[in-house]
Amino acid sequence: MIDLKKFEIWFVAGSQHLYGEETLNKVAQHSQQIAAYFNQHKNIPVNVVYKPVVKTPDEIFEVMEAANQAKNCIGLVTWMHTFSPAKMWIRGLNILQKPLLHLHTQFNQNIPWDTIDMDFMNLNQSAHGDREFGFMVSRMRMNRKVVVGFWQDNEVISDINIWSRAAAAWADWQGAKFVRFGDNMRYVAVTDGDKVEAELKFGYSVNTHGVGDLVAVINQITETQINDLVAEYENDYTLSADLLNNSAKKQAIREAAKIELGIKTFLEEGNYKGFTDTFEDLHGMVQLPGIAAQRLMQQGYGFAGEGDWKTAALVRACKVMGAGLPGGNAFMEDYTYHFDPENSLVLGSHMLEVDASLASGKASLEVHPLGIGGKANPVRLVFNVAGGTALNASIIDMGNRFRMIVNEVEAIEPIHDLPNLPVARVLWKPLPDMKTGCAAWIYAGGAHHTAYSQNLTTAHLQDFADIAGIELIKIDKQTTISHLKNELMWNEVFYKIK
């Protein structure tokens, strides 16, 4: 469902006519070589497209205008091979609507000590040409990513990889639609928010459909479709023999398949990239969608429970950023704590809906009472999540701005069996430690719902937040409460002034 190769970043080198045709030809050749290297590199997930060297204000304006109009262009990489007087860039930068990465590199890795002359110096002026360009972008208060180093260095490739994934997720949000089946969970604050401001700031829209609209689609699903999906369940997951021989549970599985097919049909027909529901608004549905949400997330849709549209959108963005990488991205919730002073842990889970892309091993399909929502026993996938480096991310509405909070965590392998807890679950240690991590999250106002990622880093989300122009609070092994509280106060002043 998510194909990053449909996206392009444009490689644009700047120069000027002062240097003559011979030098400009070399600038073009070198730029083409760098762009081709990036485009063929296995660690850059999008296409890199060379654009002719820009040498005048009109050429700069035209390439920026074309980038804005190109549907598959998700950002520009700029590089000043020679000196490019930055006043030439003002008009073009003023209209640029795509993310910008400023690559501060040079074609040669080393100085040719024995042969260097003034011709070489005139051609290879990135050291001060990029400073001229950098001043103008700073003067114009534009957000951008600056990457420094030789263009073949692994660290440079990694930085471009991370930024291009963030740019792809941002492009995916533009014009995206998320559907809210029913409203927000009653009286809950953090899952609600300003959907109008979100569309202005983020580019995606959120609109509600009554559950009856969804039920009408669910009721159109045929028995043949249900049979085919149940067969898929039996092939993909562990089902006990008694489950299929128990008429009530067998019917619950068929009902779950019907719900999944109905939601997917609704999403496809409405061109939605994600959805949210709530157990307080299930009128006309037999059971709360459990396996449906789990499987649709695994297919690339964003999801969050209880009307939480911000987290549903964030889960989708994380899935785009992480496309093709080992590991998964999923809706998550800090559910309960293990306050052992020698080994404090968070048990992350949700009632039903954690994406099976996180599963360590084959998931088990099970039917159990839920104890909430007042509906029939729902079907869900039960599994453990493997240990390893991970993170939790949350976007909250602070009233005058949106804030992203990221907590780096270390997931651990299960330390005990949980025979009476029929949900997907993961154990993790928040960084820098349990007390500091939890306190920092609460000071920052982080939600109880998150996007949990096994394959993204804070760098991906920092680039994404920078492109979006929103605040990011990082909680990692360096965090102290005193520094975090100061950061929150400074940010409050900054955003009021801004």
Protein backbone atom coordinates (compact mmCIF):
# COMPACT_ATOMS: atom_id res chain seq x y z
CA MET A 1 0.00 0.00 0.00
CA ILE A 2 2.91 2.36 0.71
CA ASP A 3 5.42 2.72 -2.14
CA LEU A 4 8.11 5.33 -1.52
CA LYS A 5 9.50 4.92 -5.04
CA LYS A 6 6.61 6.93 -6.42
CA PHE A 7 8.13 9.99 -4.74
CA GLU A 8 10.90 12.23 -6.07
CA ILE A 9 13.33 14.67 -4.54
CA TRP A 10 14.87 17.16 -6.96
CA PHE A 11 18.60 17.86 -6.91
CA VAL A 12 19.23 21.53 -7.71
CA ALA A 13 22.72 23.05 -7.89
CA GLY A 14 23.24 26.80 -7.90
CA SER A 15 25.86 28.82 -9.73
CA GLN A 16 26.07 31.98 -11.87
CA HIS A 17 27.18 33.01 -15.36
CA LEU A 18 30.28 34.76 -14.02
CA TYR A 19 32.37 31.58 -14.27
CA GLY A 20 31.92 30.87 -17.99
CA GLU A 21 30.69 27.87 -19.96
CA GLU A 22 33.57 25.51 -19.17
CA THR A 23 33.07 25.84 -15.43
CA LEU A 24 29.28 25.67 -15.70
CA ASN A 25 29.53 22.49 -17.75
CA LYS A 26 31.65 20.91 -15.03
CA VAL A 27 29.14 22.04 -12.39
CA ALA A 28 26.39 20.32 -14.38
CA GLN A 29 28.43 17.14 -14.88
CA HIS A 30 29.32 16.93 -11.21
CA SER A 31 25.74 17.61 -10.14
CA GLN A 32 24.43 14.90 -12.47
CA GLN A 33 26.97 12.45 -11.06
CA ILE A 34 25.97 13.20 -7.45
CA ALA A 35 22.24 12.98 -8.23
CA ALA A 36 22.75 9.66 -10.05
CA TYR A 37 24.74 8.28 -7.11
CA PHE A 38 21.95 9.21 -4.72
CA ASN A 39 19.26 7.85 -7.03
CA GLN A 40 20.97 4.47 -7.31
CA HIS A 41 21.86 4.16 -3.65
CA LYS A 42 20.02 1.35 -1.89
CA ASN A 43 19.64 3.42 1.29
CA ILE A 44 17.79 6.33 -0.32
CA PRO A 45 14.20 5.09 -0.68
CA VAL A 46 12.89 7.71 -3.13
CA ASN A 47 13.93 8.75 -6.63
CA VAL A 48 16.49 11.55 -6.88
CA VAL A 49 16.01 13.64 -10.01
CA TYR A 50 18.69 15.93 -11.41
CA LYS A 51 17.53 19.37 -12.47
CA PRO A 52 19.59 21.72 -14.64
CA VAL A 53 21.94 24.07 -12.79
CA VAL A 54 20.20 27.34 -11.91
CA LYS A 55 22.13 30.52 -12.66
CA THR A 56 19.59 33.38 -12.66
CA PRO A 57 16.63 34.54 -10.55
CA ASP A 58 14.23 33.44 -13.29
CA GLU A 59 15.70 29.94 -13.52
CA ILE A 60 15.47 29.58 -9.74
CA PHE A 61 11.88 30.80 -9.68
CA GLU A 62 10.90 28.44 -12.49
CA VAL A 63 12.33 25.33 -10.81
CA MET A 64 10.65 26.23 -7.51
CA GLU A 65 7.34 26.83 -9.28
CA ALA A 66 7.67 23.51 -11.11
CA ALA A 67 8.46 21.70 -7.86
CA ASN A 68 5.32 23.10 -6.26
CA GLN A 69 3.22 21.81 -9.14
CA ALA A 70 4.88 18.40 -9.50
CA LYS A 71 2.67 15.90 -7.67
CA ASN A 72 5.43 13.37 -7.03
CA CYS A 73 8.07 15.91 -5.97
CA ILE A 74 8.27 15.83 -2.18
CA GLY A 75 11.24 18.15 -1.66
CA LEU A 76 14.36 19.82 -2.98
CA VAL A 77 18.03 19.17 -2.26
CA THR A 78 20.06 22.31 -2.98
CA TRP A 79 23.84 22.61 -3.31
CA MET A 80 26.01 25.57 -4.25
CA HIS A 81 28.91 24.03 -6.21
CA THR A 82 30.25 27.53 -6.89
CA PHE A 83 29.21 30.87 -5.45
CA SER A 84 25.53 31.62 -6.20
CA PRO A 85 24.61 35.16 -5.09
CA ALA A 86 21.72 34.54 -2.73
CA LYS A 87 19.60 37.55 -3.66
CA MET A 88 18.89 35.55 -6.82
CA TRP A 89 17.12 32.97 -4.65
CA ILE A 90 14.70 35.28 -2.83
CA ARG A 91 11.79 35.18 -5.25
CA GLY A 92 12.03 31.43 -5.74
CA LEU A 93 12.36 30.59 -2.05
CA ASN A 94 9.41 32.87 -1.31
CA ILE A 95 7.06 30.61 -3.26
CA LEU A 96 8.57 27.22 -2.35
CA GLN A 97 5.98 25.00 -0.70
CA LYS A 98 8.00 21.77 -0.55
CA PRO A 99 10.51 20.68 2.13
CA LEU A 100 14.09 21.82 1.63
CA LEU A 101 17.38 20.04 2.36
CA HIS A 102 20.57 22.09 2.02
CA LEU A 103 23.47 19.78 1.19
CA HIS A 104 26.80 21.31 2.20
CA THR A 105 29.27 19.17 0.31
CA GLN A 106 31.85 19.41 -2.45
CA PHE A 107 32.52 17.22 -5.44
CA ASN A 108 36.06 16.33 -4.39
CA GLN A 109 36.64 14.66 -1.05
CA ASN A 110 40.20 15.85 -0.56
CA ILE A 111 42.26 18.85 -1.56
CA PRO A 112 44.62 17.89 -4.44
CA TRP A 113 47.67 19.32 -2.72
CA ASP A 114 50.10 19.01 -5.63
CA THR A 115 47.84 20.30 -8.41
CA ILE A 116 45.44 22.76 -6.81
CA ASP A 117 45.30 26.08 -8.69
CA MET A 118 42.90 28.98 -9.11
CA ASP A 119 40.83 27.15 -11.72
CA PHE A 120 40.19 24.43 -9.12
CA MET A 121 39.35 27.08 -6.51
CA ASN A 122 36.90 28.86 -8.83
CA LEU A 123 35.06 25.62 -9.51
CA ASN A 124 34.99 24.18 -5.99
CA GLN A 125 33.59 26.99 -3.86
CA SER A 126 30.99 25.15 -1.79
CA ALA A 127 32.73 26.11 1.43
CA HIS A 128 31.59 29.70 1.03
CA GLY A 129 28.92 29.34 -1.67
CA ASP A 130 26.76 27.32 0.70
CA ARG A 131 27.28 29.91 3.43
CA GLU A 132 25.89 32.60 1.14
CA PHE A 133 22.84 30.47 0.41
CA GLY A 134 22.51 29.49 4.07
CA PHE A 135 22.40 33.11 5.12
CA MET A 136 19.46 33.83 2.84
CA VAL A 137 17.45 30.83 4.01
CA SER A 138 18.08 31.87 7.62
CA ARG A 139 17.27 35.49 6.80
CA MET A 140 13.96 34.33 5.38
CA ARG A 141 13.27 32.23 8.51
CA MET A 142 12.71 29.09 6.45
CA ASN A 143 12.71 25.63 7.96
CA ARG A 144 15.19 23.30 6.30
CA LYS A 145 17.52 20.39 6.94
CA VAL A 146 21.27 21.07 6.67
CA VAL A 147 23.46 18.06 5.88
CA VAL A 148 27.25 18.45 5.91
CA GLY A 149 29.91 16.08 4.57
CA PHE A 150 31.30 14.40 1.49
CA TRP A 151 28.41 13.22 -0.66
CA GLN A 152 29.46 9.56 -0.64
CA ASP A 153 29.85 9.34 3.14
CA ASN A 154 27.51 6.88 4.84
CA GLU A 155 26.44 9.51 7.36
CA VAL A 156 25.39 11.88 4.58
CA ILE A 157 23.43 9.11 2.88
CA SER A 158 21.77 8.27 6.21
CA ASP A 159 20.78 11.89 6.79
CA ILE A 160 19.25 12.14 3.31
CA ASN A 161 17.48 8.82 3.84
CA ILE A 162 15.93 10.02 7.10
CA TRP A 163 14.89 13.40 5.68
CA SER A 164 13.44 11.89 2.49
CA ARG A 165 11.29 9.54 4.57
CA ALA A 166 10.02 12.47 6.65
CA ALA A 167 9.33 14.43 3.46
CA ALA A 168 7.42 11.45 2.04
CA ALA A 169 5.26 11.25 5.15
CA TRP A 170 4.59 14.97 4.92
CA ALA A 171 3.61 14.65 1.26
CA ASP A 172 1.33 11.75 2.19
CA TRP A 173 -0.50 13.99 4.69
CA GLN A 174 -1.22 16.69 2.11
CA GLY A 175 -4.84 16.27 1.11
CA ALA A 176 -5.15 13.06 3.12
CA LYS A 177 -8.49 12.15 4.66
CA PHE A 178 -9.10 10.41 7.96
CA VAL A 179 -12.53 9.25 9.01
CA ARG A 180 -13.89 9.29 12.53
CA PHE A 181 -16.64 6.72 13.09
CA GLY A 182 -18.68 8.39 15.79
CA ASP A 183 -17.27 11.14 17.97
CA ASN A 184 -14.60 11.47 20.61
CA MET A 185 -14.82 9.27 23.70
CA ARG A 186 -17.04 11.27 26.05
CA TYR A 187 -15.34 13.74 28.40
CA VAL A 188 -11.81 12.78 27.26
CA ALA A 189 -9.55 15.76 26.60
CA VAL A 190 -6.29 14.74 24.98
CA THR A 191 -7.81 12.74 22.13
CA ASP A 192 -9.88 15.73 21.05
CA GLY A 193 -8.55 18.89 19.45
CA ASP A 194 -8.96 21.50 16.76
CA LYS A 195 -9.52 19.69 13.46
CA VAL A 196 -9.71 22.97 11.54
CA GLU A 197 -6.31 24.07 12.82
CA ALA A 198 -4.92 20.61 12.08
CA GLU A 199 -6.02 20.89 8.45
CA LEU A 200 -4.47 24.36 8.21
CA LYS A 201 -1.22 23.19 9.80
CA PHE A 202 -0.86 19.61 8.58
CA GLY A 203 -2.81 19.43 5.33
CA TYR A 204 -5.08 16.51 6.20
CA SER A 205 -8.79 16.58 6.97
CA VAL A 206 -10.78 14.71 9.60
CA ASN A 207 -14.53 14.27 9.28
CA THR A 208 -17.05 12.18 11.14
CA HIS A 209 -19.38 9.56 9.74
CA GLY A 210 -22.11 8.10 11.87
CA VAL A 211 -21.59 4.45 12.70
CA GLY A 212 -24.78 3.77 10.76
CA ASP A 213 -22.99 4.85 7.56
CA LEU A 214 -20.36 2.20 8.23
CA VAL A 215 -22.91 -0.45 9.22
CA ALA A 216 -24.69 0.04 5.91
CA VAL A 217 -21.48 -0.88 4.10
CA ILE A 218 -20.75 -3.79 6.46
CA ASN A 219 -24.19 -5.21 5.73
CA GLN A 220 -23.41 -5.34 2.00
CA ILE A 221 -20.52 -7.77 2.48
CA THR A 222 -21.27 -11.17 0.93
CA GLU A 223 -20.92 -14.63 2.45
CA THR A 224 -18.34 -15.49 -0.20
CA GLN A 225 -16.18 -12.54 0.84
CA ILE A 226 -16.48 -13.59 4.48
CA ASN A 227 -15.56 -17.21 3.66
CA ASP A 228 -12.43 -16.08 1.81
CA LEU A 229 -11.26 -13.84 4.66
CA VAL A 230 -11.93 -16.47 7.32
CA ALA A 231 -9.78 -18.87 5.28
CA GLU A 232 -7.06 -16.20 5.30
CA TYR A 233 -7.35 -15.95 9.07
CA GLU A 234 -6.96 -19.71 9.39
CA ASN A 235 -3.84 -19.65 7.23
CA ASP A 236 -2.13 -16.60 8.75
CA TYR A 237 -2.79 -17.07 12.46
CA THR A 238 -2.90 -19.77 15.10
CA LEU A 239 -6.50 -20.85 15.73
CA SER A 240 -7.27 -23.61 18.18
CA ALA A 241 -9.50 -26.42 16.91
CA ASP A 242 -12.12 -25.74 19.54
CA LEU A 243 -12.40 -22.17 18.28
CA LEU A 244 -13.72 -23.30 14.91
CA ASN A 245 -15.89 -26.01 16.48
CA ASN A 246 -17.55 -23.60 18.92
CA SER A 247 -20.56 -22.22 17.08
CA ALA A 248 -20.68 -18.95 19.03
CA LYS A 249 -16.97 -18.26 18.55
CA LYS A 250 -17.10 -19.36 14.93
CA GLN A 251 -19.88 -16.85 14.33
CA ALA A 252 -17.84 -14.16 16.14
CA ILE A 253 -14.96 -14.77 13.73
CA ARG A 254 -17.28 -14.47 10.75
CA GLU A 255 -18.72 -11.27 12.17
CA ALA A 256 -15.20 -9.87 12.68
CA ALA A 257 -14.31 -10.70 9.09
CA LYS A 258 -17.49 -8.97 7.91
CA ILE A 259 -16.58 -5.87 9.91
CA GLU A 260 -13.04 -5.83 8.53
CA LEU A 261 -14.27 -6.12 4.97
CA GLY A 262 -16.84 -3.39 5.55
CA ILE A 263 -14.34 -0.95 7.06
CA LYS A 264 -11.82 -1.60 4.28
CA THR A 265 -14.50 -1.06 1.65
CA PHE A 266 -15.53 2.19 3.32
CA LEU A 267 -11.91 3.40 3.46
CA GLU A 268 -11.20 2.47 -0.16
CA GLU A 269 -14.39 4.06 -1.49
CA GLY A 270 -13.76 7.25 0.48
CA ASN A 271 -10.02 7.34 -0.26
CA TYR A 272 -9.22 7.48 3.46
CA LYS A 273 -5.75 6.83 4.83
CA GLY A 274 -6.87 5.98 8.33
CA PHE A 275 -9.72 5.90 10.81
CA THR A 276 -10.71 5.95 14.43
CA ASP A 277 -13.66 4.57 16.36
CA THR A 278 -14.84 4.38 19.97
CA PHE A 279 -16.48 1.66 22.02
CA GLU A 280 -19.00 4.27 23.21
CA ASP A 281 -20.46 4.56 19.71
CA LEU A 282 -21.06 1.14 18.15
CA HIS A 283 -24.75 1.41 17.33
CA GLY A 284 -25.67 -1.31 14.84
CA MET A 285 -22.35 -3.17 15.14
CA VAL A 286 -22.20 -6.61 16.73
CA GLN A 287 -18.70 -6.23 18.21
CA LEU A 288 -15.96 -3.66 18.57
CA PRO A 289 -13.50 -3.87 15.65
CA GLY A 290 -10.42 -5.63 16.99
CA ILE A 291 -8.76 -7.79 14.39
CA ALA A 292 -10.11 -5.41 11.75
CA ALA A 293 -8.13 -2.48 13.17
CA GLN A 294 -5.05 -4.67 13.68
CA ARG A 295 -5.01 -5.99 10.13
CA LEU A 296 -5.87 -2.70 8.44
CA MET A 297 -2.99 -1.03 10.29
CA GLN A 298 -0.70 -3.79 9.06
CA GLN A 299 -1.81 -2.94 5.53
CA GLY A 300 -0.72 0.68 6.02
CA TYR A 301 -3.77 2.50 7.37
CA GLY A 302 -3.50 4.80 10.34
CA PHE A 303 -5.63 3.96 13.36
CA ALA A 304 -6.26 5.01 16.94
CA GLY A 305 -9.04 4.19 19.36
CA GLU A 306 -11.57 6.34 21.18
CA GLY A 307 -11.88 9.02 18.52
CA ASP A 308 -8.17 9.91 18.63
CA TRP A 309 -7.71 11.27 15.12
CA LYS A 310 -4.32 12.91 15.86
CA THR A 311 -2.75 9.56 16.73
CA ALA A 312 -4.42 7.84 13.77
CA ALA A 313 -2.79 10.40 11.47
CA LEU A 314 0.56 10.05 13.25
CA VAL A 315 0.47 6.26 12.94
CA ARG A 316 -0.07 6.66 9.20
CA ALA A 317 2.84 9.10 8.96
CA CYS A 318 5.09 6.69 10.85
CA LYS A 319 4.09 3.87 8.52
CA VAL A 320 5.08 5.96 5.52
CA MET A 321 8.40 6.98 7.09
CA GLY A 322 9.13 3.37 8.03
CA ALA A 323 8.04 1.77 4.75
CA GLY A 324 10.46 -0.94 3.69
CA LEU A 325 12.41 -0.95 6.97
CA PRO A 326 12.53 -3.97 9.30
CA GLY A 327 10.04 -3.66 12.15
CA GLY A 328 6.64 -2.07 12.49
CA ASN A 329 4.71 1.02 13.53
CA ALA A 330 1.49 0.76 15.49
CA PHE A 331 -1.11 2.36 17.70
CA MET A 332 -0.12 1.90 21.33
CA GLU A 333 -1.05 2.89 24.86
CA ASP A 334 0.88 2.96 28.13
CA TYR A 335 -1.47 0.63 29.94
CA THR A 336 -0.06 -0.40 33.30
CA TYR A 337 3.22 -0.33 35.25
CA HIS A 338 5.59 -2.79 36.88
CA PHE A 339 7.11 -0.70 39.67
CA ASP A 340 9.77 -3.18 40.71
CA PRO A 341 12.60 -0.88 41.95
CA GLU A 342 15.14 -3.25 40.39
CA ASN A 343 13.36 -3.60 37.05
CA SER A 344 10.64 -1.00 36.46
CA LEU A 345 8.68 -1.53 33.24
CA VAL A 346 5.72 -0.26 31.26
CA LEU A 347 3.24 -2.74 29.84
CA GLY A 348 2.03 -1.30 26.56
CA SER A 349 -1.15 -2.59 25.00
CA HIS A 350 -4.70 -1.63 24.16
CA MET A 351 -8.06 -3.30 24.54
CA LEU A 352 -7.76 -5.00 21.15
CA GLU A 353 -6.04 -2.90 18.54
CA VAL A 354 -2.25 -3.24 18.34
CA ASP A 355 -0.81 -3.85 14.88
CA ALA A 356 0.39 -7.40 14.25
CA SER A 357 3.38 -6.07 12.29
CA LEU A 358 4.97 -5.83 15.74
CA ALA A 359 4.38 -9.51 16.52
CA SER A 360 7.23 -11.70 17.60
CA GLY A 361 6.22 -14.97 15.95
CA LYS A 362 2.83 -16.04 14.69
CA ALA A 363 -0.10 -14.25 16.26
CA SER A 364 -2.93 -16.17 17.90
CA LEU A 365 -6.51 -15.39 16.86
CA GLU A 366 -8.76 -15.49 19.91
CA VAL A 367 -12.29 -14.61 21.04
CA HIS A 368 -12.83 -13.33 24.58
CA PRO A 369 -15.18 -11.05 26.51
CA LEU A 370 -14.08 -7.42 26.56
CA GLY A 371 -15.83 -6.19 29.68
CA ILE A 372 -16.44 -2.75 28.18
CA GLY A 373 -18.67 -1.41 25.43
CA GLY A 374 -21.61 -3.75 25.98
CA LYS A 375 -21.23 -5.71 22.74
CA ALA A 376 -20.56 -9.31 21.75
CA ASN A 377 -17.19 -10.89 22.49
CA PRO A 378 -14.73 -9.42 19.98
CA VAL A 379 -12.05 -11.18 17.94
CA ARG A 380 -8.47 -10.06 18.37
CA LEU A 381 -4.89 -11.11 17.60
CA VAL A 382 -2.84 -11.94 20.67
CA PHE A 383 0.96 -11.80 20.60
CA ASN A 384 4.10 -10.59 22.32
CA VAL A 385 6.36 -7.93 20.88
CA ALA A 386 10.09 -8.52 20.64
CA GLY A 387 12.66 -6.53 22.56
CA GLY A 388 14.88 -3.87 21.04
CA THR A 389 15.23 -0.15 20.55
CA ALA A 390 11.92 1.64 19.97
CA LEU A 391 10.11 4.91 20.60
CA ASN A 392 6.71 6.29 21.49
CA ALA A 393 5.46 9.48 19.85
CA SER A 394 2.45 11.65 20.55
CA ILE A 395 1.01 14.81 18.99
CA ILE A 396 -1.06 17.00 21.29
CA ASP A 397 -3.05 20.20 20.84
CA MET A 398 -1.64 22.85 23.22
CA GLY A 399 -4.28 25.42 22.27
CA ASN A 400 -1.92 27.83 20.54
CA ARG A 401 0.16 25.16 18.76
CA PHE A 402 0.67 21.46 18.22
CA ARG A 403 3.44 19.69 20.11
CA MET A 404 5.09 16.37 19.34
CA ILE A 405 6.60 14.41 22.22
CA VAL A 406 9.00 11.54 21.58
CA ASN A 407 10.21 9.13 24.25
CA GLU A 408 12.97 6.74 23.30
CA VAL A 409 12.47 3.35 24.98
CA GLU A 410 14.10 -0.03 25.21
CA ALA A 411 11.63 -2.86 24.67
CA ILE A 412 12.44 -6.11 26.45
CA GLU A 413 11.53 -9.72 25.89
CA PRO A 414 8.59 -10.99 27.99
CA ILE A 415 9.68 -11.88 31.51
CA HIS A 416 6.54 -13.88 32.37
CA ASP A 417 3.71 -15.64 30.60
CA LEU A 418 0.41 -13.77 30.63
CA PRO A 419 -2.12 -16.58 30.24
CA ASN A 420 -5.11 -14.51 31.34
CA LEU A 421 -4.38 -11.36 29.33
CA PRO A 422 -5.68 -11.97 25.80
CA VAL A 423 -4.31 -8.86 24.11
CA ALA A 424 -1.22 -7.88 22.13
CA ARG A 425 1.40 -6.50 24.50
CA VAL A 426 4.92 -5.15 24.78
CA LEU A 427 7.19 -4.38 27.74
CA TRP A 428 9.56 -1.45 27.67
CA LYS A 429 11.83 0.69 29.79
CA PRO A 430 11.39 4.42 29.16
CA LEU A 431 14.63 6.36 28.82
CA PRO A 432 16.44 7.66 30.73
CA ASP A 433 14.72 5.67 33.50
CA MET A 434 11.19 4.86 34.59
CA LYS A 435 10.62 7.79 36.95
CA THR A 436 12.29 10.45 34.81
CA GLY A 437 10.75 9.22 31.56
CA CYS A 438 7.21 9.06 32.92
CA ALA A 439 7.51 12.39 34.75
CA ALA A 440 8.93 14.10 31.66
CA TRP A 441 6.10 12.72 29.51
CA ILE A 442 3.52 14.05 31.95
CA TYR A 443 5.20 17.47 32.29
CA ALA A 444 5.17 17.75 28.49
CA GLY A 445 1.48 16.83 28.34
CA GLY A 446 1.97 13.65 26.33
CA ALA A 447 -1.14 11.64 25.52
CA HIS A 448 -1.90 8.13 26.78
CA HIS A 449 -2.15 7.06 23.13
CA THR A 450 0.99 6.94 21.01
CA ALA A 451 2.49 5.77 17.78
CA TYR A 452 4.95 3.03 18.75
CA SER A 453 7.82 2.50 16.32
CA GLN A 454 10.42 -0.23 16.04
CA ASN A 455 12.12 1.19 12.94
CA LEU A 456 12.14 4.97 13.29
CA THR A 457 14.46 7.18 15.30
CA THR A 458 13.98 10.56 16.89
CA ALA A 459 15.85 11.98 13.88
CA HIS A 460 13.01 10.92 11.55
CA LEU A 461 10.42 12.59 13.76
CA GLN A 462 12.60 15.68 14.29
CA ASP A 463 12.84 16.15 10.53
CA PHE A 464 9.10 15.59 10.22
CA ALA A 465 8.34 18.12 12.98
CA ASP A 466 10.69 20.63 11.37
CA ILE A 467 8.93 20.24 8.01
CA ALA A 468 5.56 20.66 9.73
CA GLY A 469 6.84 23.64 11.72
CA ILE A 470 5.80 22.24 15.09
CA GLU A 471 7.47 21.90 18.46
CA LEU A 472 9.22 18.64 19.35
CA ILE A 473 10.09 17.57 22.89
CA LYS A 474 12.60 14.72 23.06
CA ILE A 475 12.86 12.44 26.10
CA ASP A 476 15.97 10.27 25.87
CA LYS A 477 18.91 9.06 27.91
CA GLN A 478 20.17 12.64 28.32
CA THR A 479 16.91 14.04 29.73
CA THR A 480 16.73 15.58 33.17
CA ILE A 481 13.57 17.01 34.68
CA SER A 482 15.17 20.37 35.47
CA HIS A 483 16.35 20.84 31.88
CA LEU A 484 13.03 19.63 30.46
CA LYS A 485 11.01 22.05 32.60
CA ASN A 486 13.23 24.92 31.46
CA GLU A 487 12.81 23.83 27.82
CA LEU A 488 9.03 23.79 28.21
CA MET A 489 9.05 27.31 29.70
CA TRP A 490 11.37 28.67 27.00
CA ASN A 491 9.23 27.10 24.30
CA GLU A 492 6.10 28.64 25.78
CA VAL A 493 7.61 32.10 25.47
CA PHE A 494 8.98 31.41 21.98
CA TYR A 495 5.66 30.23 20.56
CA LYS A 496 3.75 33.12 22.10
CA ILE A 497 6.17 35.55 20.44
CA LYS A 498 6.10 33.62 17.19
